[in-house]
All heavy atoms as atom14 arrays in JSON, in Angstrom:
{
  "sequence": "YSALKIVLSSDRSLDAIITSEAMEAIARRVVHDFHLRPMSQ",
  "atom14_mask": [
    [1, 1, 1, 1, 1, 1, 1, 1, 1, 1, 1, 1, 0, 0],
    [1, 1, 1, 1, 1, 1, 0, 0, 0, 0, 0, 0, 0, 0],
    [1, 1, 1, 1, 1, 0, 0, 0, 0, 0, 0, 0, 0, 0],
    [1, 1, 1, 1, 1, 1, 1, 1, 0, 0, 0, 0, 0, 0],
    [1, 1, 1, 1, 1, 1, 1, 1, 1, 0, 0, 0, 0, 0],
    [1, 1, 1, 1, 1, 1, 1, 1, 0, 0, 0, 0, 0, 0],
    [1, 1, 1, 1, 1, 1, 1, 0, 0, 0, 0, 0, 0, 0],
    [1, 1, 1, 1, 1, 1, 1, 1, 0, 0, 0, 0, 0, 0],
    [1, 1, 1, 1, 1, 1, 0, 0, 0, 0, 0, 0, 0, 0],
    [1, 1, 1, 1, 1, 1, 0, 0, 0, 0, 0, 0, 0, 0],
    [1, 1, 1, 1, 1, 1, 1, 1, 0, 0, 0, 0, 0, 0],
    [1, 1, 1, 1, 1, 1, 1, 1, 1, 1, 1, 0, 0, 0],
    [1, 1, 1, 1, 1, 1, 0, 0, 0, 0, 0, 0, 0, 0],
    [1, 1, 1, 1, 1, 1, 1, 1, 0, 0, 0, 0, 0, 0],
    [1, 1, 1, 1, 1, 1, 1, 1, 0, 0, 0, 0, 0, 0],
    [1, 1, 1, 1, 1, 0, 0, 0, 0, 0, 0, 0, 0, 0],
    [1, 1, 1, 1, 1, 1, 1, 1, 0, 0, 0, 0, 0, 0],
    [1, 1, 1, 1, 1, 1, 1, 1, 0, 0, 0, 0, 0, 0],
    [1, 1, 1, 1, 1, 1, 1, 0, 0, 0, 0, 0, 0, 0],
    [1, 1, 1, 1, 1, 1, 0, 0, 0, 0, 0, 0, 0, 0],
    [1, 1, 1, 1, 1, 1, 1, 1, 1, 0, 0, 0, 0, 0],
    [1, 1, 1, 1, 1, 0, 0, 0, 0, 0, 0, 0, 0, 0],
    [1, 1, 1, 1, 1, 1, 1, 1, 0, 0, 0, 0, 0, 0],
    [1, 1, 1, 1, 1, 1, 1, 1, 1, 0, 0, 0, 0, 0],
    [1, 1, 1, 1, 1, 0, 0, 0, 0, 0, 0, 0, 0, 0],
    [1, 1, 1, 1, 1, 1, 1, 1, 0, 0, 0, 0, 0, 0],
    [1, 1, 1, 1, 1, 0, 0, 0, 0, 0, 0, 0, 0, 0],
    [1, 1, 1, 1, 1, 1, 1, 1, 1, 1, 1, 0, 0, 0],
    [1, 1, 1, 1, 1, 1, 1, 1, 1, 1, 1, 0, 0, 0],
    [1, 1, 1, 1, 1, 1, 1, 0, 0, 0, 0, 0, 0, 0],
    [1, 1, 1, 1, 1, 1, 1, 0, 0, 0, 0, 0, 0, 0],
    [1, 1, 1, 1, 1, 1, 1, 1, 1, 1, 0, 0, 0, 0],
    [1, 1, 1, 1, 1, 1, 1, 1, 0, 0, 0, 0, 0, 0],
    [1, 1, 1, 1, 1, 1, 1, 1, 1, 1, 1, 0, 0, 0],
    [1, 1, 1, 1, 1, 1, 1, 1, 1, 1, 0, 0, 0, 0],
    [1, 1, 1, 1, 1, 1, 1, 1, 0, 0, 0, 0, 0, 0],
    [1, 1, 1, 1, 1, 1, 1, 1, 1, 1, 1, 0, 0, 0],
    [1, 1, 1, 1, 1, 1, 1, 0, 0, 0, 0, 0, 0, 0],
    [1, 1, 1, 1, 1, 1, 1, 1, 0, 0, 0, 0, 0, 0],
    [1, 1, 1, 1, 1, 1, 0, 0, 0, 0, 0, 0, 0, 0],
    [1, 1, 1, 1, 1, 1, 1, 1, 1, 0, 0, 0, 0, 0]
  ],
  "atom14_positions": [
    [[0.82, -1.2, 0.0], [0.0, 0.0, 0.0], [0.86, 1.26, 0.0], [1.86, 1.35, 0.72], [-0.93, 0.01, 1.23], [-1.85, -1.16, 1.31], [-1.55, -2.25, 2.12], [-3.02, -1.21, 0.55], [-2.39, -3.35, 2.18], [-3.86, -2.3, 0.61], [-3.55, -3.37, 1.42], [-4.38, -4.45, 1.48], [0.0, 0.0, 0.0], [0.0, 0.0, 0.0]],
    [[0.45, 2.24, -0.79], [1.1, 3.55, -0.72], [0.7, 4.21, 0.59], [-0.45, 4.09, 1.05], [0.66, 4.42, -1.9], [1.14, 3.88, -3.11], [0.0, 0.0, 0.0], [0.0, 0.0, 0.0], [0.0, 0.0, 0.0], [0.0, 0.0, 0.0], [0.0, 0.0, 0.0], [0.0, 0.0, 0.0], [0.0, 0.0, 0.0], [0.0, 0.0, 0.0]],
    [[1.63, 4.92, 1.21], [1.4, 5.5, 2.54], [0.75, 6.88, 2.46], [0.52, 7.5, 3.5], [2.71, 5.58, 3.31], [0.0, 0.0, 0.0], [0.0, 0.0, 0.0], [0.0, 0.0, 0.0], [0.0, 0.0, 0.0], [0.0, 0.0, 0.0], [0.0, 0.0, 0.0], [0.0, 0.0, 0.0], [0.0, 0.0, 0.0], [0.0, 0.0, 0.0]],
    [[0.45, 7.33, 1.27], [-0.19, 8.63, 1.11], [-1.0, 8.61, -0.17], [-0.45, 8.41, -1.26], [0.88, 9.74, 1.04], [0.43, 11.18, 1.23], [-0.12, 11.4, 2.64], [1.59, 12.14, 0.99], [0.0, 0.0, 0.0], [0.0, 0.0, 0.0], [0.0, 0.0, 0.0], [0.0, 0.0, 0.0], [0.0, 0.0, 0.0], [0.0, 0.0, 0.0]],
    [[-2.32, 8.75, -0.06], [-3.16, 8.88, -1.24], [-3.08, 10.34, -1.69], [-3.1, 11.26, -0.86], [-4.61, 8.51, -0.93], [-4.77, 7.12, -0.32], [-4.29, 6.04, -1.26], [-4.37, 4.67, -0.6], [-5.72, 4.24, -0.27], [0.0, 0.0, 0.0], [0.0, 0.0, 0.0], [0.0, 0.0, 0.0], [0.0, 0.0, 0.0], [0.0, 0.0, 0.0]],
    [[-3.0, 10.57, -3.0], [-2.71, 11.91, -3.51], [-3.69, 12.3, -4.6], [-4.02, 11.5, -5.48], [-1.27, 11.97, -4.05], [-0.26, 11.67, -2.93], [-0.97, 13.34, -4.65], [1.17, 11.55, -3.42], [0.0, 0.0, 0.0], [0.0, 0.0, 0.0], [0.0, 0.0, 0.0], [0.0, 0.0, 0.0], [0.0, 0.0, 0.0], [0.0, 0.0, 0.0]],
    [[-4.17, 13.55, -4.53], [-4.97, 14.15, -5.6], [-4.27, 15.44, -6.02], [-4.04, 16.33, -5.2], [-6.41, 14.46, -5.14], [-7.19, 15.16, -6.25], [-7.13, 13.19, -4.71], [0.0, 0.0, 0.0], [0.0, 0.0, 0.0], [0.0, 0.0, 0.0], [0.0, 0.0, 0.0], [0.0, 0.0, 0.0], [0.0, 0.0, 0.0], [0.0, 0.0, 0.0]],
    [[-3.92, 15.53, -7.29], [-3.29, 16.73, -7.84], [-4.32, 17.45, -8.69], [-4.77, 16.93, -9.71], [-2.06, 16.37, -8.67], [-0.96, 15.58, -7.95], [0.2, 15.3, -8.9], [-0.48, 16.33, -6.72], [0.0, 0.0, 0.0], [0.0, 0.0, 0.0], [0.0, 0.0, 0.0], [0.0, 0.0, 0.0], [0.0, 0.0, 0.0], [0.0, 0.0, 0.0]],
    [[-4.7, 18.65, -8.27], [-5.72, 19.43, -8.96], [-5.06, 20.59, -9.7], [-4.16, 21.24, -9.17], [-6.75, 19.95, -7.95], [-7.71, 20.76, -8.58], [0.0, 0.0, 0.0], [0.0, 0.0, 0.0], [0.0, 0.0, 0.0], [0.0, 0.0, 0.0], [0.0, 0.0, 0.0], [0.0, 0.0, 0.0], [0.0, 0.0, 0.0], [0.0, 0.0, 0.0]],
    [[-5.55, 20.85, -10.91], [-4.93, 21.9, -11.72], [-5.93, 22.45, -12.73], [-6.84, 21.74, -13.15], [-3.71, 21.34, -12.47], [-3.17, 22.29, -13.37], [0.0, 0.0, 0.0], [0.0, 0.0, 0.0], [0.0, 0.0, 0.0], [0.0, 0.0, 0.0], [0.0, 0.0, 0.0], [0.0, 0.0, 0.0], [0.0, 0.0, 0.0], [0.0, 0.0, 0.0]],
    [[-5.75, 23.73, -13.09], [-6.63, 24.32, -14.1], [-6.03, 24.23, -15.5], [-6.48, 24.9, -16.42], [-6.98, 25.77, -13.75], [-5.77, 26.68, -13.7], [-4.69, 26.28, -14.18], [-5.9, 27.8, -13.16], [0.0, 0.0, 0.0], [0.0, 0.0, 0.0], [0.0, 0.0, 0.0], [0.0, 0.0, 0.0], [0.0, 0.0, 0.0], [0.0, 0.0, 0.0]],
    [[-5.02, 23.4, -15.64], [-4.45, 23.13, -16.96], [-3.94, 21.69, -16.98], [-3.82, 21.04, -15.94], [-3.31, 24.09, -17.27], [-2.11, 23.98, -16.34], [-1.19, 25.15, -16.46], [-1.83, 26.37, -15.96], [-1.24, 27.56, -15.95], [-0.03, 27.71, -16.43], [-1.88, 28.6, -15.46], [0.0, 0.0, 0.0], [0.0, 0.0, 0.0], [0.0, 0.0, 0.0]],
    [[-3.63, 21.19, -18.13], [-3.17, 19.81, -18.25], [-1.86, 19.61, -17.49], [-0.96, 20.45, -17.55], [-2.97, 19.45, -19.72], [-2.4, 18.16, -19.83], [0.0, 0.0, 0.0], [0.0, 0.0, 0.0], [0.0, 0.0, 0.0], [0.0, 0.0, 0.0], [0.0, 0.0, 0.0], [0.0, 0.0, 0.0], [0.0, 0.0, 0.0], [0.0, 0.0, 0.0]],
    [[-1.77, 18.49, -16.79], [-0.56, 18.16, -16.03], [0.37, 17.24, -16.81], [1.36, 16.75, -16.26], [-0.95, 17.51, -14.7], [-1.62, 18.42, -13.67], [-2.2, 17.6, -12.52], [-0.62, 19.44, -13.12], [0.0, 0.0, 0.0], [0.0, 0.0, 0.0], [0.0, 0.0, 0.0], [0.0, 0.0, 0.0], [0.0, 0.0, 0.0], [0.0, 0.0, 0.0]],
    [[0.06, 17.0, -18.07], [0.85, 16.06, -18.86], [2.35, 16.4, -18.87], [3.19, 15.53, -18.72], [0.35, 16.01, -20.31], [-0.91, 15.17, -20.45], [-1.32, 14.57, -19.43], [-1.49, 15.12, -21.54], [0.0, 0.0, 0.0], [0.0, 0.0, 0.0], [0.0, 0.0, 0.0], [0.0, 0.0, 0.0], [0.0, 0.0, 0.0], [0.0, 0.0, 0.0]],
    [[2.66, 17.68, -19.05], [4.07, 18.08, -19.17], [4.84, 17.76, -17.9], [6.03, 17.42, -17.94], [4.16, 19.58, -19.47], [0.0, 0.0, 0.0], [0.0, 0.0, 0.0], [0.0, 0.0, 0.0], [0.0, 0.0, 0.0], [0.0, 0.0, 0.0], [0.0, 0.0, 0.0], [0.0, 0.0, 0.0], [0.0, 0.0, 0.0], [0.0, 0.0, 0.0]],
    [[4.16, 17.87, -16.74], [4.82, 17.57, -15.47], [4.92, 16.07, -15.27], [5.98, 15.52, -14.95], [4.06, 18.23, -14.3], [4.17, 19.76, -14.4], [4.61, 17.74, -12.96], [3.38, 20.49, -13.33], [0.0, 0.0, 0.0], [0.0, 0.0, 0.0], [0.0, 0.0, 0.0], [0.0, 0.0, 0.0], [0.0, 0.0, 0.0], [0.0, 0.0, 0.0]],
    [[3.8, 15.37, -15.45], [3.74, 13.95, -15.15], [4.67, 13.13, -16.05], [5.26, 12.14, -15.62], [2.3, 13.43, -15.26], [1.42, 14.13, -14.21], [2.23, 11.93, -15.09], [1.87, 13.88, -12.79], [0.0, 0.0, 0.0], [0.0, 0.0, 0.0], [0.0, 0.0, 0.0], [0.0, 0.0, 0.0], [0.0, 0.0, 0.0], [0.0, 0.0, 0.0]],
    [[4.81, 13.52, -17.3], [5.64, 12.74, -18.22], [7.12, 13.07, -18.09], [7.94, 12.46, -18.77], [5.19, 12.99, -19.68], [5.21, 14.41, -19.96], [3.78, 12.46, -19.91], [0.0, 0.0, 0.0], [0.0, 0.0, 0.0], [0.0, 0.0, 0.0], [0.0, 0.0, 0.0], [0.0, 0.0, 0.0], [0.0, 0.0, 0.0], [0.0, 0.0, 0.0]],
    [[7.45, 14.02, -17.23], [8.87, 14.33, -16.99], [9.54, 13.13, -16.33], [8.96, 12.47, -15.46], [8.99, 15.56, -16.1], [10.31, 15.71, -15.62], [0.0, 0.0, 0.0], [0.0, 0.0, 0.0], [0.0, 0.0, 0.0], [0.0, 0.0, 0.0], [0.0, 0.0, 0.0], [0.0, 0.0, 0.0], [0.0, 0.0, 0.0], [0.0, 0.0, 0.0]],
    [[10.76, 12.85, -16.71], [11.49, 11.7, -16.16], [11.62, 11.81, -14.65], [11.57, 10.81, -13.93], [12.88, 11.62, -16.8], [13.68, 10.41, -16.35], [15.02, 10.31, -17.08], [15.22, 11.07, -18.05], [15.85, 9.48, -16.66], [0.0, 0.0, 0.0], [0.0, 0.0, 0.0], [0.0, 0.0, 0.0], [0.0, 0.0, 0.0], [0.0, 0.0, 0.0]],
    [[11.76, 13.04, -14.14], [11.92, 13.23, -12.7], [10.66, 12.91, -11.92], [10.71, 12.73, -10.69], [12.34, 14.67, -12.42], [0.0, 0.0, 0.0], [0.0, 0.0, 0.0], [0.0, 0.0, 0.0], [0.0, 0.0, 0.0], [0.0, 0.0, 0.0], [0.0, 0.0, 0.0], [0.0, 0.0, 0.0], [0.0, 0.0, 0.0], [0.0, 0.0, 0.0]],
    [[9.52, 12.83, -12.6], [8.24, 12.57, -11.92], [7.8, 11.12, -12.05], [6.62, 10.81, -11.92], [7.16, 13.5, -12.49], [7.42, 14.97, -12.24], [7.31, 15.4, -10.49], [5.54, 15.27, -10.24], [0.0, 0.0, 0.0], [0.0, 0.0, 0.0], [0.0, 0.0, 0.0], [0.0, 0.0, 0.0], [0.0, 0.0, 0.0], [0.0, 0.0, 0.0]],
    [[8.73, 10.22, -12.3], [8.39, 8.82, -12.53], [7.64, 8.22, -11.34], [6.7, 7.43, -11.5], [9.65, 8.01, -12.81], [9.39, 6.56, -13.13], [10.66, 5.8, -13.42], [11.75, 6.37, -13.2], [10.57, 4.64, -13.85], [0.0, 0.0, 0.0], [0.0, 0.0, 0.0], [0.0, 0.0, 0.0], [0.0, 0.0, 0.0], [0.0, 0.0, 0.0]],
    [[8.04, 8.6, -10.12], [7.39, 8.04, -8.93], [5.91, 8.41, -8.87], [5.09, 7.67, -8.33], [8.1, 8.53, -7.67], [0.0, 0.0, 0.0], [0.0, 0.0, 0.0], [0.0, 0.0, 0.0], [0.0, 0.0, 0.0], [0.0, 0.0, 0.0], [0.0, 0.0, 0.0], [0.0, 0.0, 0.0], [0.0, 0.0, 0.0], [0.0, 0.0, 0.0]],
    [[5.57, 9.59, -9.42], [4.17, 10.02, -9.48], [3.45, 9.32, -10.63], [2.36, 8.77, -10.47], [4.08, 11.55, -9.66], [4.67, 12.27, -8.44], [2.64, 11.98, -9.9], [3.84, 12.16, -7.19], [0.0, 0.0, 0.0], [0.0, 0.0, 0.0], [0.0, 0.0, 0.0], [0.0, 0.0, 0.0], [0.0, 0.0, 0.0], [0.0, 0.0, 0.0]],
    [[4.06, 9.35, -11.81], [3.42, 8.81, -13.01], [3.03, 7.36, -12.85], [1.96, 6.93, -13.3], [4.34, 8.98, -14.22], [0.0, 0.0, 0.0], [0.0, 0.0, 0.0], [0.0, 0.0, 0.0], [0.0, 0.0, 0.0], [0.0, 0.0, 0.0], [0.0, 0.0, 0.0], [0.0, 0.0, 0.0], [0.0, 0.0, 0.0], [0.0, 0.0, 0.0]],
    [[3.86, 6.57, -12.19], [3.57, 5.14, -12.05], [2.39, 4.87, -11.14], [1.83, 3.78, -11.17], [4.81, 4.42, -11.51], [5.91, 4.27, -12.55], [7.03, 3.42, -12.01], [8.03, 3.17, -13.04], [9.09, 2.41, -12.86], [9.29, 1.82, -11.69], [9.96, 2.22, -13.83], [0.0, 0.0, 0.0], [0.0, 0.0, 0.0], [0.0, 0.0, 0.0]],
    [[2.04, 5.85, -10.33], [0.94, 5.63, -9.37], [-0.4, 6.15, -9.87], [-1.43, 5.89, -9.26], [1.28, 6.31, -8.04], [2.15, 5.48, -7.12], [2.24, 6.1, -5.75], [0.93, 6.37, -5.19], [0.72, 7.07, -4.09], [1.74, 7.57, -3.43], [-0.5, 7.28, -3.64], [0.0, 0.0, 0.0], [0.0, 0.0, 0.0], [0.0, 0.0, 0.0]],
    [[-0.4, 6.89, -10.96], [-1.65, 7.5, -11.41], [-2.67, 6.42, -11.79], [-2.41, 5.56, -12.63], [-1.41, 8.42, -12.62], [-2.74, 8.93, -13.17], [-0.54, 9.6, -12.22], [0.0, 0.0, 0.0], [0.0, 0.0, 0.0], [0.0, 0.0, 0.0], [0.0, 0.0, 0.0], [0.0, 0.0, 0.0], [0.0, 0.0, 0.0], [0.0, 0.0, 0.0]],
    [[-3.83, 6.45, -11.14], [-4.9, 5.51, -11.48], [-6.05, 6.19, -12.2], [-6.86, 5.53, -12.85], [-5.43, 4.79, -10.22], [-4.36, 3.88, -9.64], [-5.92, 5.76, -9.17], [0.0, 0.0, 0.0], [0.0, 0.0, 0.0], [0.0, 0.0, 0.0], [0.0, 0.0, 0.0], [0.0, 0.0, 0.0], [0.0, 0.0, 0.0], [0.0, 0.0, 0.0]],
    [[-6.15, 7.52, -12.1], [-7.19, 8.27, -12.8], [-6.62, 9.6, -13.29], [-5.94, 10.3, -12.55], [-8.4, 8.57, -11.9], [-9.12, 7.35, -11.43], [-9.88, 6.56, -12.28], [-9.21, 6.77, -10.21], [-10.4, 5.55, -11.59], [-10.0, 5.66, -10.34], [0.0, 0.0, 0.0], [0.0, 0.0, 0.0], [0.0, 0.0, 0.0], [0.0, 0.0, 0.0]],
    [[-6.9, 9.92, -14.53], [-6.59, 11.24, -15.08], [-7.93, 11.84, -15.46], [-8.42, 11.66, -16.57], [-5.66, 11.09, -16.29], [-5.21, 12.44, -16.84], [-5.51, 13.46, -16.19], [-4.59, 12.47, -17.91], [0.0, 0.0, 0.0], [0.0, 0.0, 0.0], [0.0, 0.0, 0.0], [0.0, 0.0, 0.0], [0.0, 0.0, 0.0], [0.0, 0.0, 0.0]],
    [[-8.54, 12.55, -14.5], [-9.92, 12.99, -14.66], [-9.98, 14.46, -15.1], [-9.36, 15.32, -14.49], [-10.69, 12.83, -13.35], [-12.19, 13.0, -13.52], [-13.0, 11.9, -13.73], [-12.78, 14.25, -13.49], [-14.36, 12.03, -13.91], [-14.14, 14.41, -13.66], [-14.93, 13.3, -13.87], [0.0, 0.0, 0.0], [0.0, 0.0, 0.0], [0.0, 0.0, 0.0]],
    [[-10.76, 14.71, -16.16], [-10.95, 16.06, -16.68], [-12.41, 16.46, -16.53], [-13.29, 15.8, -17.09], [-10.53, 16.13, -18.15], [-9.07, 15.87, -18.37], [-8.17, 16.86, -18.69], [-8.34, 14.74, -18.27], [-6.95, 16.34, -18.81], [-7.04, 15.06, -18.55], [0.0, 0.0, 0.0], [0.0, 0.0, 0.0], [0.0, 0.0, 0.0], [0.0, 0.0, 0.0]],
    [[-12.66, 17.51, -15.77], [-14.03, 17.98, -15.57], [-14.65, 18.45, -16.87], [-13.98, 19.09, -17.7], [-14.05, 19.11, -14.54], [-13.95, 18.68, -13.08], [-13.68, 19.9, -12.2], [-15.23, 17.98, -12.63], [0.0, 0.0, 0.0], [0.0, 0.0, 0.0], [0.0, 0.0, 0.0], [0.0, 0.0, 0.0], [0.0, 0.0, 0.0], [0.0, 0.0, 0.0]],
    [[-15.92, 18.16, -17.04], [-16.7, 18.6, -18.2], [-17.78, 19.59, -17.74], [-18.22, 19.55, -16.58], [-17.36, 17.4, -18.87], [-16.36, 16.4, -19.44], [-15.91, 16.79, -20.81], [-14.88, 15.89, -21.33], [-14.68, 15.68, -22.63], [-15.45, 16.27, -23.52], [-13.72, 14.89, -23.03], [0.0, 0.0, 0.0], [0.0, 0.0, 0.0], [0.0, 0.0, 0.0]],
    [[-18.24, 20.47, -18.63], [-19.28, 21.43, -18.24], [-20.65, 20.78, -18.1], [-20.85, 19.63, -18.5], [-19.25, 22.45, -19.39], [-18.73, 21.68, -20.56], [-17.75, 20.69, -20.01], [0.0, 0.0, 0.0], [0.0, 0.0, 0.0], [0.0, 0.0, 0.0], [0.0, 0.0, 0.0], [0.0, 0.0, 0.0], [0.0, 0.0, 0.0], [0.0, 0.0, 0.0]],
    [[-21.57, 21.54, -17.53], [-22.94, 21.06, -17.38], [-23.68, 21.13, -18.71], [-23.38, 21.97, -19.56], [-23.67, 21.92, -16.34], [-23.07, 21.9, -14.96], [-23.98, 22.94, -13.76], [-23.58, 24.59, -14.38], [0.0, 0.0, 0.0], [0.0, 0.0, 0.0], [0.0, 0.0, 0.0], [0.0, 0.0, 0.0], [0.0, 0.0, 0.0], [0.0, 0.0, 0.0]],
    [[-24.66, 20.27, -18.86], [-25.54, 20.33, -20.02], [-26.55, 21.46, -19.81], [-26.63, 22.06, -18.73], [-26.27, 19.0, -20.19], [-27.16, 18.79, -19.09], [0.0, 0.0, 0.0], [0.0, 0.0, 0.0], [0.0, 0.0, 0.0], [0.0, 0.0, 0.0], [0.0, 0.0, 0.0], [0.0, 0.0, 0.0], [0.0, 0.0, 0.0], [0.0, 0.0, 0.0]],
    [[-27.34, 21.74, -20.84], [-28.35, 22.79, -20.72], [-29.36, 22.49, -19.6], [-29.63, 23.36, -18.75], [-29.07, 22.99, -22.06], [-30.11, 24.1, -22.02], [-30.8, 24.27, -23.36], [-30.24, 24.01, -24.41], [-32.06, 24.71, -23.33], [0.0, 0.0, 0.0], [0.0, 0.0, 0.0], [0.0, 0.0, 0.0], [0.0, 0.0, 0.0], [0.0, 0.0, 0.0]]
  ]
}
């Protein structure tokens, strides 16, 4: 088990950060890449 559950919230795509080689420890743990959608009419 990971000792810390993590949610990273951002108003822009985090792809550039997550795909960085230095962020491998984060990237390997990602189970959801959720993008909010607007409401319908």
